[in-house]
Amino acid sequence: MFSTDGLGIRGRIFAVVPHDGGLMVKVPESRADELVAAGAVERMVMRGRELREWVVMPDAASDADWSSLLADALAYVDEISP
């Protein structure tokens, strides 16, 4: 989907490392809104359009922040995947 390696569960991707760096994850739209408002992440933009549930955390974020975000993403995609 994103032309890069990613992590998934039951065939659905929840995290990838974009070509330009950072950590891109899928989280609920409300959680994405919170993270963007806090300045922790930016919305992923593809073909000029912001994606509602995909955000990118910068390389400079701490390991703890990356781990927490990965846990959120895994839990969300696990919940919505049959």
N, C-alpha and C. Protein backbone atom coordinates (compact mmCIF):
# COMPACT_ATOMS: atom_id res chain seq x y z
N MET A 1 0.82 -1.21 0.00
CA MET A 1 0.00 0.00 0.00
C MET A 1 0.86 1.26 0.00
N PHE A 2 1.89 1.29 0.85
CA PHE A 2 2.71 2.49 0.97
C PHE A 2 4.10 2.31 0.37
N SER A 3 4.33 1.23 -0.35
CA SER A 3 5.61 0.94 -1.01
C SER A 3 6.77 0.91 -0.02
N THR A 4 6.53 0.38 1.16
CA THR A 4 7.56 0.26 2.17
C THR A 4 7.19 -0.90 3.09
N ASP A 5 8.13 -1.32 3.93
CA ASP A 5 7.84 -2.38 4.88
C ASP A 5 6.93 -1.86 5.98
N GLY A 6 6.08 -2.75 6.47
CA GLY A 6 5.16 -2.33 7.51
C GLY A 6 4.84 -3.46 8.47
N LEU A 7 4.11 -3.12 9.51
CA LEU A 7 3.64 -4.08 10.49
C LEU A 7 2.15 -4.23 10.33
N GLY A 8 1.67 -5.46 10.44
CA GLY A 8 0.25 -5.67 10.26
C GLY A 8 -0.27 -6.78 11.16
N ILE A 9 -1.59 -6.87 11.19
CA ILE A 9 -2.28 -7.92 11.92
C ILE A 9 -3.46 -8.38 11.07
N ARG A 10 -3.58 -9.68 10.90
CA ARG A 10 -4.64 -10.27 10.07
C ARG A 10 -4.75 -9.59 8.70
N GLY A 11 -3.60 -9.32 8.11
CA GLY A 11 -3.58 -8.76 6.77
C GLY A 11 -3.82 -7.26 6.67
N ARG A 12 -3.93 -6.58 7.79
CA ARG A 12 -4.16 -5.12 7.77
C ARG A 12 -2.96 -4.41 8.36
N ILE A 13 -2.45 -3.45 7.64
CA ILE A 13 -1.27 -2.68 8.07
C ILE A 13 -1.66 -1.68 9.14
N PHE A 14 -0.82 -1.58 10.21
CA PHE A 14 -1.07 -0.57 11.23
C PHE A 14 0.11 0.38 11.42
N ALA A 15 1.29 0.05 10.87
CA ALA A 15 2.44 0.93 11.01
C ALA A 15 3.43 0.70 9.87
N VAL A 16 4.04 1.78 9.40
CA VAL A 16 5.08 1.71 8.38
C VAL A 16 6.11 2.81 8.67
N VAL A 17 7.29 2.60 8.11
CA VAL A 17 8.32 3.64 8.16
C VAL A 17 8.36 4.25 6.77
N PRO A 18 7.89 5.50 6.62
CA PRO A 18 7.88 6.14 5.30
C PRO A 18 9.30 6.33 4.76
N HIS A 19 9.40 6.48 3.46
CA HIS A 19 10.71 6.66 2.82
C HIS A 19 11.46 7.88 3.35
N ASP A 20 10.73 8.92 3.78
CA ASP A 20 11.41 10.12 4.28
C ASP A 20 11.57 10.11 5.79
N GLY A 21 11.34 8.97 6.44
CA GLY A 21 11.59 8.82 7.87
C GLY A 21 10.36 8.98 8.73
N GLY A 22 10.55 8.78 10.01
CA GLY A 22 9.46 8.86 10.97
C GLY A 22 8.75 7.53 11.09
N LEU A 23 7.67 7.54 11.84
CA LEU A 23 6.84 6.36 12.05
C LEU A 23 5.41 6.73 11.71
N MET A 24 4.84 6.06 10.73
CA MET A 24 3.47 6.33 10.32
C MET A 24 2.58 5.22 10.85
N VAL A 25 1.51 5.61 11.56
CA VAL A 25 0.61 4.62 12.15
C VAL A 25 -0.85 5.00 11.90
N LYS A 26 -1.70 3.98 12.02
CA LYS A 26 -3.14 4.18 11.90
C LYS A 26 -3.74 4.15 13.30
N VAL A 27 -4.41 5.23 13.67
CA VAL A 27 -5.08 5.33 14.98
C VAL A 27 -6.48 5.89 14.74
N PRO A 28 -7.36 5.78 15.73
CA PRO A 28 -8.69 6.38 15.54
C PRO A 28 -8.59 7.87 15.23
N GLU A 29 -9.50 8.37 14.44
CA GLU A 29 -9.46 9.78 14.04
C GLU A 29 -9.41 10.70 15.24
N SER A 30 -10.15 10.39 16.30
CA SER A 30 -10.15 11.25 17.49
C SER A 30 -8.78 11.27 18.15
N ARG A 31 -8.09 10.12 18.18
CA ARG A 31 -6.74 10.05 18.75
C ARG A 31 -5.77 10.82 17.86
N ALA A 32 -5.92 10.70 16.55
CA ALA A 32 -5.08 11.45 15.62
C ALA A 32 -5.25 12.95 15.85
N ASP A 33 -6.49 13.39 16.04
CA ASP A 33 -6.76 14.81 16.31
C ASP A 33 -6.03 15.27 17.57
N GLU A 34 -6.07 14.45 18.63
CA GLU A 34 -5.40 14.80 19.90
C GLU A 34 -3.89 14.91 19.71
N LEU A 35 -3.31 13.93 19.02
CA LEU A 35 -1.87 13.93 18.81
C LEU A 35 -1.40 15.10 17.96
N VAL A 36 -2.17 15.43 16.94
CA VAL A 36 -1.84 16.58 16.08
C VAL A 36 -1.93 17.87 16.89
N ALA A 37 -3.00 18.02 17.67
CA ALA A 37 -3.18 19.22 18.49
C ALA A 37 -2.06 19.39 19.51
N ALA A 38 -1.53 18.27 20.02
CA ALA A 38 -0.44 18.32 20.99
C ALA A 38 0.92 18.57 20.33
N GLY A 39 0.96 18.50 19.00
CA GLY A 39 2.21 18.72 18.28
C GLY A 39 3.12 17.50 18.25
N ALA A 40 2.60 16.33 18.65
CA ALA A 40 3.42 15.13 18.70
C ALA A 40 3.60 14.48 17.33
N VAL A 41 2.63 14.71 16.45
CA VAL A 41 2.64 14.08 15.12
C VAL A 41 2.11 15.06 14.08
N GLU A 42 2.23 14.66 12.83
CA GLU A 42 1.60 15.38 11.72
C GLU A 42 0.71 14.39 10.98
N ARG A 43 -0.34 14.88 10.37
CA ARG A 43 -1.20 14.02 9.55
C ARG A 43 -0.40 13.57 8.33
N MET A 44 -0.63 12.36 7.91
CA MET A 44 -0.05 11.86 6.67
C MET A 44 -0.83 12.47 5.52
N VAL A 45 -0.11 12.98 4.53
CA VAL A 45 -0.74 13.57 3.35
C VAL A 45 -0.35 12.73 2.15
N MET A 46 -1.36 12.27 1.42
CA MET A 46 -1.12 11.50 0.20
C MET A 46 -1.92 12.12 -0.93
N ARG A 47 -1.24 12.39 -2.03
CA ARG A 47 -1.87 13.00 -3.20
C ARG A 47 -2.61 14.28 -2.83
N GLY A 48 -2.02 15.07 -1.92
CA GLY A 48 -2.58 16.35 -1.55
C GLY A 48 -3.73 16.29 -0.56
N ARG A 49 -4.02 15.10 -0.02
CA ARG A 49 -5.14 14.95 0.90
C ARG A 49 -4.66 14.39 2.23
N GLU A 50 -5.08 15.04 3.32
CA GLU A 50 -4.75 14.53 4.65
C GLU A 50 -5.57 13.28 4.93
N LEU A 51 -4.91 12.27 5.45
CA LEU A 51 -5.60 11.04 5.81
C LEU A 51 -6.12 11.17 7.24
N ARG A 52 -7.35 10.79 7.47
CA ARG A 52 -8.00 10.97 8.77
C ARG A 52 -7.35 10.19 9.90
N GLU A 53 -6.96 8.95 9.62
CA GLU A 53 -6.50 8.06 10.67
C GLU A 53 -5.01 7.78 10.64
N TRP A 54 -4.30 8.31 9.68
CA TRP A 54 -2.86 8.05 9.57
C TRP A 54 -2.06 9.28 9.99
N VAL A 55 -1.12 9.07 10.91
CA VAL A 55 -0.27 10.16 11.39
C VAL A 55 1.18 9.72 11.32
N VAL A 56 2.08 10.70 11.32
CA VAL A 56 3.52 10.43 11.27
C VAL A 56 4.19 11.08 12.46
N MET A 57 4.90 10.26 13.24
CA MET A 57 5.70 10.75 14.36
C MET A 57 7.14 10.90 13.86
N PRO A 58 7.81 12.00 14.20
CA PRO A 58 9.16 12.23 13.67
C PRO A 58 10.21 11.28 14.23
N ASP A 59 11.30 11.15 13.50
CA ASP A 59 12.45 10.34 13.94
C ASP A 59 12.95 10.77 15.31
N ALA A 60 12.88 12.06 15.60
CA ALA A 60 13.44 12.60 16.83
C ALA A 60 12.64 12.24 18.08
N ALA A 61 11.45 11.66 17.92
CA ALA A 61 10.64 11.26 19.08
C ALA A 61 11.37 10.17 19.86
N SER A 62 11.05 10.07 21.13
CA SER A 62 11.71 9.08 21.98
C SER A 62 11.23 7.67 21.67
N ASP A 63 12.03 6.70 22.07
CA ASP A 63 11.64 5.30 21.90
C ASP A 63 10.33 5.02 22.62
N ALA A 64 10.15 5.63 23.79
CA ALA A 64 8.92 5.43 24.57
C ALA A 64 7.71 5.98 23.80
N ASP A 65 7.88 7.13 23.15
CA ASP A 65 6.77 7.69 22.37
C ASP A 65 6.43 6.80 21.17
N TRP A 66 7.48 6.29 20.49
CA TRP A 66 7.24 5.39 19.37
C TRP A 66 6.54 4.13 19.85
N SER A 67 7.00 3.56 20.96
CA SER A 67 6.40 2.33 21.49
C SER A 67 4.95 2.53 21.86
N SER A 68 4.66 3.65 22.49
CA SER A 68 3.29 3.94 22.90
C SER A 68 2.38 4.10 21.68
N LEU A 69 2.87 4.79 20.67
CA LEU A 69 2.09 5.00 19.46
C LEU A 69 1.86 3.68 18.71
N LEU A 70 2.90 2.85 18.67
CA LEU A 70 2.75 1.53 18.04
C LEU A 70 1.70 0.69 18.78
N ALA A 71 1.71 0.74 20.09
CA ALA A 71 0.73 -0.01 20.89
C ALA A 71 -0.69 0.49 20.60
N ASP A 72 -0.85 1.81 20.51
CA ASP A 72 -2.17 2.38 20.18
C ASP A 72 -2.64 1.90 18.81
N ALA A 73 -1.73 1.91 17.84
CA ALA A 73 -2.07 1.52 16.48
C ALA A 73 -2.43 0.04 16.40
N LEU A 74 -1.63 -0.81 17.03
CA LEU A 74 -1.92 -2.23 17.02
C LEU A 74 -3.28 -2.52 17.67
N ALA A 75 -3.55 -1.90 18.80
CA ALA A 75 -4.82 -2.12 19.49
C ALA A 75 -6.00 -1.68 18.62
N TYR A 76 -5.85 -0.55 17.96
CA TYR A 76 -6.93 -0.04 17.12
C TYR A 76 -7.21 -0.96 15.94
N VAL A 77 -6.18 -1.32 15.21
CA VAL A 77 -6.38 -2.15 14.03
C VAL A 77 -6.82 -3.56 14.43
N ASP A 78 -6.34 -4.05 15.55
CA ASP A 78 -6.80 -5.34 16.05
C ASP A 78 -8.30 -5.29 16.35
N GLU A 79 -8.75 -4.20 16.92
CA GLU A 79 -10.16 -4.02 17.27
C GLU A 79 -11.07 -3.96 16.04
N ILE A 80 -10.60 -3.31 14.98
CA ILE A 80 -11.47 -3.10 13.82
C ILE A 80 -11.32 -4.18 12.74
N SER A 81 -10.39 -5.13 12.96
CA SER A 81 -10.15 -6.18 11.97
C SER A 81 -10.90 -7.45 12.37
N PRO A 82 -11.62 -8.03 11.42
CA PRO A 82 -12.33 -9.28 11.73
C PRO A 82 -11.39 -10.44 11.93
